[in-house]
């Protein structure tokens, strides 16, 4: 008769298991993990969200980090905390996955949700203020990092490879001064452009007038609010790093992509040039390629072709195509 011999654990395995159990043994730490499910926050932001002192939240973050449940990401001189990526394999992986699954099912109280919204609103206000002040210098500032001419041909090649129908429509979120709108107008029957900055939308309007783009509609709107607008192609051209909560933003904007459609995204790869915050109003210093792919998958999108372009100033641009094979939120809203 075969008997299963239990696996003997080393002392350091016991230490790891104890750290995990300790981390999950405090209600506040569980709520921190819930808040960090798809977002990153600094220590002061988390102290604001949970209405406790900086030293108190730092202690809880240290316990979570020791258990391998949170990790840090550096954004220039700032440090943000996020959920640690799950290990492919390893001791206590089953328990860690079960713990996080239960955490994700938690309903945060209204006060915490409201303070998370306050932090997001504070970040968004910084971005809006930048664009209201710098609209007339937008192109010069953008060129410091990556102007559209540096990657236009690659972007359009990836766009044209999707072979959209003649009747297809596009939605560009955050068109800036409208530099990409003439190209979209030539490729789609109808183009809608959404921006929450009146100053930037006026620059886009002026370009549309100069180019006589009669099939482009400009709207002053928050692209993340509930809206019936959906499209065969949703375009995010160097805008995701301006969103207060980029993972959530990608989730919502992916819902605007119709079944069989595409989300086309250009972004900076992660970098450490902190001056981009002040010069260009960037809230985030680019994104890891795997990070964007994970967010897109969580939003129900499938990865397509990708291009990567290195620039002489040290930045690297990623041009990503994601496809939707199931109905998006906009389609579901219209379903009787």
Protein backbone atom coordinates (compact mmCIF):
# COMPACT_ATOMS: atom_id res chain seq x y z
CA UNK A 1 0.00 0.00 0.00
CA UNK A 2 1.46 3.31 -1.09
CA UNK A 3 1.39 6.03 1.50
CA UNK A 4 2.01 9.67 0.72
CA UNK A 5 4.97 11.00 2.60
CA UNK A 6 4.40 14.61 3.73
CA UNK A 7 6.84 17.17 2.41
CA UNK A 8 9.17 18.40 5.11
CA UNK A 9 9.45 22.17 5.33
CA UNK A 10 12.56 24.06 6.27
CA UNK A 11 12.61 26.71 8.95
CA UNK A 12 12.69 29.48 6.36
CA UNK A 13 9.56 27.99 4.77
CA UNK A 14 7.89 28.23 8.17
CA UNK A 15 9.05 31.83 8.46
CA UNK A 16 7.56 32.64 5.06
CA UNK A 17 4.26 31.02 5.97
CA UNK A 18 4.19 32.83 9.32
CA UNK A 19 4.84 36.19 7.58
CA UNK A 20 1.98 35.54 5.19
CA UNK A 21 -0.40 34.61 8.01
CA UNK A 22 0.67 37.65 10.02
CA UNK A 23 0.14 39.96 7.05
CA UNK A 24 -3.37 38.63 6.53
CA UNK A 25 -4.22 38.79 10.22
CA UNK A 26 -5.07 42.49 10.38
CA UNK A 27 -8.27 44.04 8.92
CA UNK A 28 -6.51 47.24 7.88
CA UNK A 29 -3.83 45.34 5.96
CA UNK A 30 -6.53 43.40 4.12
CA UNK A 31 -8.15 46.68 3.12
CA UNK A 32 -4.80 48.02 1.92
CA UNK A 33 -4.43 44.95 -0.29
CA UNK A 34 -7.93 45.52 -1.64
CA UNK A 35 -7.16 49.15 -2.50
CA UNK A 36 -3.93 48.10 -4.22
CA UNK A 37 -5.70 45.50 -6.39
CA UNK A 38 -5.28 47.54 -9.57
CA UNK A 39 -3.73 50.81 -8.46
CA UNK A 40 -0.53 52.25 -7.01
CA UNK A 41 -0.34 54.75 -4.17
CA UNK A 42 2.36 56.57 -2.25
CA UNK A 43 2.65 56.37 1.53
CA UNK A 44 1.06 59.79 2.05
CA UNK A 45 -1.79 58.91 -0.30
CA UNK A 46 -2.46 55.67 1.59
CA UNK A 47 -2.31 57.56 4.90
CA UNK A 48 -4.97 59.90 3.48
CA UNK A 49 -7.11 57.03 2.20
CA UNK A 50 -7.11 55.17 5.53
CA UNK A 51 -7.09 58.28 7.71
CA UNK A 52 -4.09 57.22 9.80
CA UNK A 53 -0.62 58.65 10.37
CA UNK A 54 2.27 58.09 7.99
CA UNK A 55 4.19 56.00 10.51
CA UNK A 56 1.18 53.74 11.03
CA UNK A 57 0.63 53.03 7.34
CA UNK A 58 4.38 52.56 6.85
CA UNK A 59 4.35 49.81 9.49
CA UNK A 60 1.53 47.96 7.77
CA UNK A 61 3.22 48.28 4.38
CA UNK A 62 6.42 46.83 5.83
CA UNK A 63 4.54 43.79 7.13
CA UNK A 64 2.86 43.28 3.75
CA UNK A 65 6.18 43.67 1.94
CA UNK A 66 7.87 41.11 4.20
CA UNK A 67 5.14 38.66 3.24
CA UNK A 68 5.70 39.34 -0.45
CA UNK A 69 2.21 40.78 -0.89
CA UNK A 70 3.17 44.32 -1.93
CA UNK A 71 6.05 45.72 -3.92
CA UNK A 72 7.33 49.19 -4.68
CA UNK A 73 7.72 51.01 -7.95
CA UNK A 74 9.85 54.12 -8.24
CA UNK A 75 8.50 57.06 -10.22
CA UNK A 76 11.44 59.46 -10.33
CA UNK A 77 11.92 60.63 -6.75
CA UNK A 78 8.59 59.19 -5.61
CA UNK A 79 7.89 55.63 -4.43
CA UNK A 80 4.53 53.96 -4.99
CA UNK A 81 3.21 50.73 -3.50
CA UNK A 82 1.36 48.15 -5.57
CA UNK A 83 0.34 44.52 -5.34
CA UNK A 84 3.29 42.19 -5.81
CA UNK A 85 3.05 40.10 -8.95
CA UNK A 86 2.24 36.45 -8.22
CA UNK A 87 5.19 34.10 -8.48
CA UNK A 88 4.98 31.44 -11.16
CA UNK A 89 5.54 28.80 -8.53
CA UNK A 90 6.77 28.54 -5.00
CA UNK A 91 5.96 27.74 -1.44
CA UNK A 92 2.71 29.17 -0.01
CA UNK A 93 1.52 30.11 -3.48
CA UNK A 94 -1.83 28.39 -2.97
CA UNK A 95 -2.45 30.20 0.31
CA UNK A 96 -1.35 33.55 -1.17
CA UNK A 97 -3.67 33.14 -4.17
CA UNK A 98 -6.59 32.14 -1.92
CA UNK A 99 -5.97 35.10 0.39
CA UNK A 100 -5.94 37.60 -2.48
CA UNK A 101 -9.03 36.04 -4.05
CA UNK A 102 -10.91 36.56 -0.78
CA UNK A 103 -9.50 40.09 -0.45
CA UNK A 104 -10.73 40.98 -3.92
CA UNK A 105 -14.23 39.93 -2.90
CA UNK A 106 -14.25 42.43 -0.02
CA UNK A 107 -16.53 45.44 -0.26
CA UNK A 108 -14.71 48.57 0.89
CA UNK A 109 -16.71 50.93 3.06
CA UNK A 110 -18.00 54.10 1.47
CA UNK A 111 -15.60 56.37 3.37
CA UNK A 112 -12.54 54.57 2.00
CA UNK A 113 -13.94 54.56 -1.55
CA UNK A 114 -14.61 58.28 -1.23
CA UNK A 115 -11.04 59.00 -0.10
CA UNK A 116 -9.62 56.91 -2.95
CA UNK A 117 -11.72 59.06 -5.28
CA UNK A 118 -10.30 62.17 -3.60
CA UNK A 119 -6.73 61.03 -4.27
CA UNK A 120 -7.58 60.30 -7.90
CA UNK A 121 -9.24 63.71 -8.18
CA UNK A 122 -6.14 65.40 -6.77
CA UNK A 123 -3.94 63.65 -9.34
CA UNK A 124 -6.35 64.52 -12.16
CA UNK A 125 -6.44 68.16 -11.06
CA UNK A 126 -2.66 68.35 -11.36
CA UNK A 127 -2.88 67.05 -14.93
CA UNK A 128 -5.73 69.39 -15.93
CA UNK A 129 -3.92 72.36 -14.43
CA UNK A 130 -0.81 71.54 -16.44
CA UNK A 131 -2.67 71.43 -19.75
CA UNK A 132 -4.62 74.60 -19.03
CA UNK A 133 -1.34 76.43 -18.35
CA UNK A 134 0.78 74.86 -21.09
CA UNK A 135 -1.61 74.44 -24.01
CA UNK A 136 0.20 77.01 -26.13
CA UNK A 137 3.52 75.23 -25.50
CA UNK A 138 2.15 71.69 -25.83
CA UNK A 139 3.95 70.67 -28.99
CA UNK A 140 7.31 72.02 -27.86
CA UNK A 141 7.00 70.23 -24.54
CA UNK A 142 5.89 66.99 -26.18
CA UNK A 143 8.82 67.11 -28.57
CA UNK A 144 11.17 67.03 -25.57
CA UNK A 145 10.19 63.39 -25.16
CA UNK A 146 8.53 62.02 -28.29
CA UNK A 147 6.77 64.04 -30.95
CA UNK A 148 4.34 62.24 -33.24
CA UNK A 149 6.66 62.47 -36.32
CA UNK A 150 9.13 60.21 -34.50
CA UNK A 151 6.75 57.26 -34.50
CA UNK A 152 3.88 58.23 -36.86
CA UNK A 153 4.82 55.83 -39.66
CA UNK A 154 5.09 52.86 -37.31
CA UNK A 155 1.79 53.71 -35.63
CA UNK A 156 -0.03 54.05 -38.95
CA UNK A 157 1.48 50.83 -40.27
CA UNK A 158 0.11 48.94 -37.27
CA UNK A 159 -3.25 50.69 -37.67
CA UNK A 160 -3.50 49.91 -41.38
CA UNK A 161 -2.64 46.26 -40.75
CA UNK A 162 -6.01 45.86 -38.99
CA UNK A 163 -7.91 46.40 -42.27
CA UNK A 164 -10.97 48.15 -40.86
CA UNK A 165 -14.17 48.28 -42.93
CA UNK A 166 -14.94 51.48 -44.87
CA UNK A 167 -17.83 52.16 -42.46
CA UNK A 168 -15.71 51.77 -39.31
CA UNK A 169 -15.51 54.56 -36.74
CA UNK A 170 -12.74 55.61 -34.37
CA UNK A 171 -12.61 57.20 -30.94
CA UNK A 172 -9.50 59.06 -29.84
CA UNK A 173 -9.17 59.80 -26.15
CA UNK A 174 -7.10 62.85 -25.29
CA UNK A 175 -6.25 64.06 -28.81
CA UNK A 176 -3.97 66.83 -27.54
CA UNK A 177 -3.56 69.40 -30.30
CA UNK A 178 -5.16 66.99 -32.77
CA UNK A 179 -1.99 65.96 -34.59
CA UNK A 180 -3.28 62.42 -35.22
CA UNK A 181 -6.82 63.41 -36.21
CA UNK A 182 -6.11 64.03 -39.93
CA UNK A 183 -4.71 60.51 -40.26
CA UNK A 184 -7.68 59.00 -38.45
CA UNK A 185 -10.11 61.05 -40.53
CA UNK A 186 -8.63 59.62 -43.72
CA UNK A 187 -9.01 56.05 -42.47
CA UNK A 188 -12.40 56.04 -40.76
CA UNK A 189 -15.90 57.07 -41.80
CA UNK A 190 -16.40 58.90 -38.51
CA UNK A 191 -14.01 60.01 -35.77
CA UNK A 192 -14.90 61.20 -32.27
CA UNK A 193 -12.30 62.89 -30.07
CA UNK A 194 -12.79 63.34 -26.31
CA UNK A 195 -10.78 65.66 -24.09
CA UNK A 196 -11.43 67.15 -20.64
CA UNK A 197 -9.24 70.20 -21.31
CA UNK A 198 -11.00 73.09 -23.07
CA UNK A 199 -7.65 74.63 -24.01
CA UNK A 200 -6.38 71.45 -25.68
CA UNK A 201 -9.71 70.81 -27.38
CA UNK A 202 -9.54 74.29 -28.89
CA UNK A 203 -6.15 73.45 -30.41
CA UNK A 204 -7.65 70.29 -31.88
CA UNK A 205 -10.61 72.29 -33.21
CA UNK A 206 -8.26 74.73 -34.95
CA UNK A 207 -6.41 71.87 -36.61
CA UNK A 208 -9.65 70.28 -37.78
CA UNK A 209 -10.71 73.62 -39.28
CA UNK A 210 -7.37 74.06 -41.09
CA UNK A 211 -7.49 70.50 -42.43
CA UNK A 212 -11.24 70.67 -43.27
CA UNK A 213 -11.92 67.48 -41.32
CA UNK A 214 -15.68 67.28 -41.69
CA UNK A 215 -16.02 63.73 -40.31
CA UNK A 216 -14.42 64.55 -36.93
CA UNK A 217 -16.53 65.42 -33.89
CA UNK A 218 -14.84 67.01 -30.88
CA UNK A 219 -16.36 66.65 -27.44
CA UNK A 220 -15.42 68.25 -24.13
CA UNK A 221 -15.94 65.26 -21.86
CA UNK A 222 -14.41 62.98 -19.27
CA UNK A 223 -13.69 59.80 -21.19
CA UNK A 224 -14.01 57.71 -18.03
CA UNK A 225 -17.61 58.69 -17.33
CA UNK A 226 -20.50 56.51 -18.44
CA UNK A 227 -21.22 57.20 -22.09
CA UNK A 228 -22.86 55.45 -25.05
CA UNK A 229 -19.85 56.29 -27.24
CA UNK A 230 -18.14 53.18 -28.58
CA UNK A 231 -16.00 52.57 -31.65
CA UNK A 232 -14.40 49.98 -33.87
CA UNK A 233 -11.03 51.46 -32.93
CA UNK A 234 -10.21 53.26 -29.69
CA UNK A 235 -6.94 55.20 -29.83
CA UNK A 236 -4.87 56.18 -26.78
CA UNK A 237 -1.91 58.11 -28.11
CA UNK A 238 0.53 58.99 -25.32
CA UNK A 239 -2.25 59.73 -22.82
CA UNK A 240 -2.39 56.81 -20.38
CA UNK A 241 0.47 58.27 -18.31
CA UNK A 242 -1.73 61.31 -17.64
CA UNK A 243 -4.54 59.31 -16.01
CA UNK A 244 -4.78 59.26 -12.23
CA UNK A 245 -5.49 55.51 -12.18
CA UNK A 246 -4.16 54.04 -15.45
CA UNK A 247 -5.26 50.43 -14.85
CA UNK A 248 -8.82 51.52 -14.12
CA UNK A 249 -8.73 53.92 -17.08
CA UNK A 250 -7.66 51.16 -19.45
CA UNK A 251 -10.40 48.93 -18.07
CA UNK A 252 -13.09 51.52 -18.77
CA UNK A 253 -11.78 52.61 -22.14
CA UNK A 254 -11.48 49.00 -23.28
CA UNK A 255 -15.20 48.78 -22.68
CA UNK A 256 -15.68 51.30 -25.49
CA UNK A 257 -14.20 48.90 -28.06
CA UNK A 258 -16.83 47.09 -30.10
CA UNK A 259 -16.70 43.35 -30.62
CA UNK A 260 -14.16 42.58 -33.32
CA UNK A 261 -12.59 45.99 -32.82
CA UNK A 262 -9.23 47.21 -31.61
CA UNK A 263 -7.60 49.34 -28.97
CA UNK A 264 -4.46 51.00 -30.28
CA UNK A 265 -2.14 52.37 -27.63
CA UNK A 266 1.15 54.24 -27.77
CA UNK A 267 3.04 54.77 -24.55
CA UNK A 268 6.46 55.32 -23.12
CA UNK A 269 8.22 52.30 -21.73
CA UNK A 270 9.15 52.72 -18.08
CA UNK A 271 11.90 55.28 -17.55
CA UNK A 272 13.50 57.26 -14.71
CA UNK A 273 13.60 60.77 -16.17
CA UNK A 274 11.67 62.59 -13.46
CA UNK A 275 11.87 65.97 -15.25
CA UNK A 276 9.03 64.74 -17.49
CA UNK A 277 6.62 65.37 -14.64
CA UNK A 278 7.28 69.10 -14.55
CA UNK A 279 8.00 69.63 -18.23
CA UNK A 280 5.21 67.50 -19.72
CA UNK A 281 2.70 67.00 -16.92
CA UNK A 282 3.28 63.23 -16.74
CA UNK A 283 1.75 61.54 -13.70
CA UNK A 284 3.53 58.24 -14.45
CA UNK A 285 6.98 57.64 -15.88
CA UNK A 286 5.94 55.13 -18.54
CA UNK A 287 4.80 51.54 -18.06
CA UNK A 288 6.28 48.06 -18.21
CA UNK A 289 5.23 46.11 -21.28
CA UNK A 290 3.97 43.20 -19.17
CA UNK A 291 2.06 45.61 -16.97
CA UNK A 292 0.04 46.97 -19.90
CA UNK A 293 -0.56 43.46 -21.22
CA UNK A 294 -1.87 42.33 -17.82
CA UNK A 295 -4.22 45.32 -17.53
CA UNK A 296 -5.50 44.74 -21.07
CA UNK A 297 -6.16 41.07 -20.35
CA UNK A 298 -8.08 42.00 -17.21
CA UNK A 299 -10.16 44.32 -19.40
CA UNK A 300 -11.07 41.48 -21.74
CA UNK A 301 -8.69 42.37 -24.56
CA UNK A 302 -6.38 40.01 -26.42
CA UNK A 303 -2.83 41.04 -27.36
CA UNK A 304 -1.97 41.67 -31.00
CA UNK A 305 1.11 43.01 -32.72
CA UNK A 306 3.49 45.32 -30.88
CA UNK A 307 6.27 47.63 -32.01
CA UNK A 308 9.04 49.19 -29.92
CA UNK A 309 10.96 52.26 -30.99
CA UNK A 310 14.09 53.54 -29.25
CA UNK A 311 14.65 57.29 -29.44
CA UNK A 312 17.97 59.10 -29.38
CA UNK A 313 17.08 60.91 -26.16
CA UNK A 314 16.93 57.60 -24.27
CA UNK A 315 13.17 57.10 -24.27
CA UNK A 316 11.52 54.05 -25.79
CA UNK A 317 8.01 54.01 -27.22
CA UNK A 318 5.76 50.99 -27.27
CA UNK A 319 2.98 50.78 -29.86
CA UNK A 320 0.49 48.12 -28.84
CA UNK A 321 -2.54 46.60 -30.50
CA UNK A 322 -5.20 44.81 -28.46
CA UNK A 323 -8.32 43.16 -29.88
CA UNK A 324 -11.78 42.58 -28.44
CA UNK A 325 -13.50 39.33 -29.31
CA UNK A 326 -16.41 39.72 -26.88
CA UNK A 327 -18.97 42.50 -26.51
CA UNK A 328 -17.71 45.73 -24.96
CA UNK A 329 -19.52 47.80 -22.33
CA UNK A 330 -20.92 50.17 -24.93
CA UNK A 331 -22.53 47.31 -26.82
CA UNK A 332 -23.94 45.80 -23.65
CA UNK A 333 -25.51 49.14 -22.75
CA UNK A 334 -27.36 49.16 -26.06
CA UNK A 335 -28.59 45.60 -25.70
CA UNK A 336 -32.37 45.64 -25.08
